Amino acid sequence: MNRYSVGWFLTFIGLIVTVFVAARYFTGYEAIGAAARMLWNAMALVANGAMRLFGSLVLLLARGVSWRRFSRLAALLTGLDWGTPAASS
């Protein structure tokens, strides 16, 4: 089984975004721009879920050991939200 690092995934996502932006710029096709927006919405959805999951786990651990500052930090993390283009339209 081959394991990939976080850098590999970030490079892959960066290449995909670059290809979509370049194709949109040079061809002018709106469908490619719409596909890029859909890809961004999917990445933002995954990032939101991961951030909220991490914040919830930190909140659970912080309250379990009665660390007030970490509890406040975790509550802040669970309240963060990446704005997606679909949400702002």
C-alpha atoms as a PDB file:
ATOM      1  CA  MET A   1       0.000   0.000   0.000  1.00  0.00           C
ATOM      2  CA  ASN A   2       1.386   3.340  -1.045  1.00  0.00           C
ATOM      3  CA  ARG A   3       0.976   6.274   1.321  1.00  0.00           C
ATOM      4  CA  TYR A   4       0.793   9.839   0.073  1.00  0.00           C
ATOM      5  CA  SER A   5       1.774  12.861   2.110  1.00  0.00           C
ATOM      6  CA  VAL A   6      -0.231  16.053   2.581  1.00  0.00           C
ATOM      7  CA  GLY A   7       2.194  17.850   0.254  1.00  0.00           C
ATOM      8  CA  TRP A   8       1.319  15.432  -2.541  1.00  0.00           C
ATOM      9  CA  PHE A   9      -2.386  16.182  -2.195  1.00  0.00           C
ATOM     10  CA  LEU A  10      -1.798  19.952  -2.016  1.00  0.00           C
ATOM     11  CA  THR A  11       0.354  19.804  -5.142  1.00  0.00           C
ATOM     12  CA  PHE A  12      -2.305  17.774  -6.940  1.00  0.00           C
ATOM     13  CA  ILE A  13      -5.059  20.231  -5.972  1.00  0.00           C
ATOM     14  CA  GLY A  14      -2.848  23.169  -6.987  1.00  0.00           C
ATOM     15  CA  LEU A  15      -2.235  21.638 -10.404  1.00  0.00           C
ATOM     16  CA  ILE A  16      -5.951  21.043 -10.943  1.00  0.00           C
ATOM     17  CA  VAL A  17      -6.822  24.615 -10.013  1.00  0.00           C
ATOM     18  CA  THR A  18      -4.027  25.974 -12.239  1.00  0.00           C
ATOM     19  CA  VAL A  19      -5.233  23.945 -15.217  1.00  0.00           C
ATOM     20  CA  PHE A  20      -8.822  25.152 -14.754  1.00  0.00           C
ATOM     21  CA  VAL A  21      -7.773  28.788 -14.427  1.00  0.00           C
ATOM     22  CA  ALA A  22      -5.448  28.603 -17.435  1.00  0.00           C
ATOM     23  CA  ALA A  23      -8.073  26.875 -19.582  1.00  0.00           C
ATOM     24  CA  ARG A  24     -10.679  29.465 -18.593  1.00  0.00           C
ATOM     25  CA  TYR A  25      -8.298  32.327 -19.346  1.00  0.00           C
ATOM     26  CA  PHE A  26      -7.085  31.082 -22.731  1.00  0.00           C
ATOM     27  CA  THR A  27     -10.296  29.535 -24.087  1.00  0.00           C
ATOM     28  CA  GLY A  28     -12.958  31.692 -22.488  1.00  0.00           C
ATOM     29  CA  TYR A  29     -15.249  28.720 -21.917  1.00  0.00           C
ATOM     30  CA  GLU A  30     -17.644  29.413 -19.052  1.00  0.00           C
ATOM     31  CA  ALA A  31     -18.221  25.689 -18.481  1.00  0.00           C
ATOM     32  CA  ILE A  32     -14.616  25.312 -17.376  1.00  0.00           C
ATOM     33  CA  GLY A  33     -15.036  28.226 -14.971  1.00  0.00           C
ATOM     34  CA  ALA A  34     -18.177  26.608 -13.566  1.00  0.00           C
ATOM     35  CA  ALA A  35     -16.318  23.314 -13.099  1.00  0.00           C
ATOM     36  CA  ALA A  36     -13.558  25.154 -11.244  1.00  0.00           C
ATOM     37  CA  ARG A  37     -16.130  26.778  -8.931  1.00  0.00           C
ATOM     38  CA  MET A  38     -17.667  23.378  -8.257  1.00  0.00           C
ATOM     39  CA  LEU A  39     -14.222  21.979  -7.452  1.00  0.00           C
ATOM     40  CA  TRP A  40     -13.564  24.868  -5.060  1.00  0.00           C
ATOM     41  CA  ASN A  41     -16.912  24.288  -3.327  1.00  0.00           C
ATOM     42  CA  ALA A  42     -16.055  20.610  -2.861  1.00  0.00           C
ATOM     43  CA  MET A  43     -12.616  21.434  -1.422  1.00  0.00           C
ATOM     44  CA  ALA A  44     -14.130  24.057   0.913  1.00  0.00           C
ATOM     45  CA  LEU A  45     -16.753  21.562   2.093  1.00  0.00           C
ATOM     46  CA  VAL A  46     -14.083  18.987   2.948  1.00  0.00           C
ATOM     47  CA  ALA A  47     -11.932  21.627   4.674  1.00  0.00           C
ATOM     48  CA  ASN A  48     -14.916  22.862   6.717  1.00  0.00           C
ATOM     49  CA  GLY A  49     -15.732  19.346   7.837  1.00  0.00           C
ATOM     50  CA  ALA A  50     -12.142  18.596   8.810  1.00  0.00           C
ATOM     51  CA  MET A  51     -11.749  21.890  10.680  1.00  0.00           C
ATOM     52  CA  ARG A  52     -14.986  21.420  12.609  1.00  0.00           C
ATOM     53  CA  LEU A  53     -14.115  17.820  13.442  1.00  0.00           C
ATOM     54  CA  PHE A  54     -10.678  18.864  14.707  1.00  0.00           C
ATOM     55  CA  GLY A  55     -12.173  21.730  16.719  1.00  0.00           C
ATOM     56  CA  SER A  56     -14.791  19.441  18.251  1.00  0.00           C
ATOM     57  CA  LEU A  57     -12.174  16.899  19.284  1.00  0.00           C
ATOM     58  CA  VAL A  58      -9.995  19.610  20.841  1.00  0.00           C
ATOM     59  CA  LEU A  59     -13.052  21.003  22.630  1.00  0.00           C
ATOM     60  CA  LEU A  60     -13.923  17.572  23.995  1.00  0.00           C
ATOM     61  CA  LEU A  61     -10.372  17.007  25.245  1.00  0.00           C
ATOM     62  CA  ALA A  62     -10.030  20.527  26.669  1.00  0.00           C
ATOM     63  CA  ARG A  63     -13.259  20.264  28.631  1.00  0.00           C
ATOM     64  CA  GLY A  64     -12.275  16.811  29.824  1.00  0.00           C
ATOM     65  CA  VAL A  65      -9.103  18.102  31.479  1.00  0.00           C
ATOM     66  CA  SER A  66     -10.600  21.504  32.427  1.00  0.00           C
ATOM     67  CA  TRP A  67      -8.316  23.690  30.341  1.00  0.00           C
ATOM     68  CA  ARG A  68     -10.316  26.859  29.920  1.00  0.00           C
ATOM     69  CA  ARG A  69      -8.041  28.540  27.361  1.00  0.00           C
ATOM     70  CA  PHE A  70      -7.963  25.513  25.067  1.00  0.00           C
ATOM     71  CA  SER A  71     -11.702  25.232  25.439  1.00  0.00           C
ATOM     72  CA  ARG A  72     -12.131  28.790  24.194  1.00  0.00           C
ATOM     73  CA  LEU A  73      -9.712  28.184  21.326  1.00  0.00           C
ATOM     74  CA  ALA A  74     -11.569  25.034  20.317  1.00  0.00           C
ATOM     75  CA  ALA A  75     -14.898  26.870  20.413  1.00  0.00           C
ATOM     76  CA  LEU A  76     -13.375  29.462  18.077  1.00  0.00           C
ATOM     77  CA  LEU A  77     -12.150  26.718  15.707  1.00  0.00           C
ATOM     78  CA  THR A  78     -15.554  25.079  15.488  1.00  0.00           C
ATOM     79  CA  GLY A  79     -17.133  28.440  14.648  1.00  0.00           C
ATOM     80  CA  LEU A  80     -14.807  29.179  11.697  1.00  0.00           C
ATOM     81  CA  ASP A  81     -16.259  28.718   8.240  1.00  0.00           C
ATOM     82  CA  TRP A  82     -14.695  29.056   4.797  1.00  0.00           C
ATOM     83  CA  GLY A  83     -16.821  31.183   2.559  1.00  0.00           C
ATOM     84  CA  THR A  84     -17.776  29.381  -0.608  1.00  0.00           C
ATOM     85  CA  PRO A  85     -18.861  31.133  -3.795  1.00  0.00           C
ATOM     86  CA  ALA A  86     -22.157  29.225  -3.764  1.00  0.00           C
ATOM     87  CA  ALA A  87     -22.965  30.462  -0.256  1.00  0.00           C
ATOM     88  CA  SER A  88     -22.364  34.118  -1.109  1.00  0.00           C
ATOM     89  CA  SER A  89     -24.506  34.179  -4.267  1.00  0.00           C
END
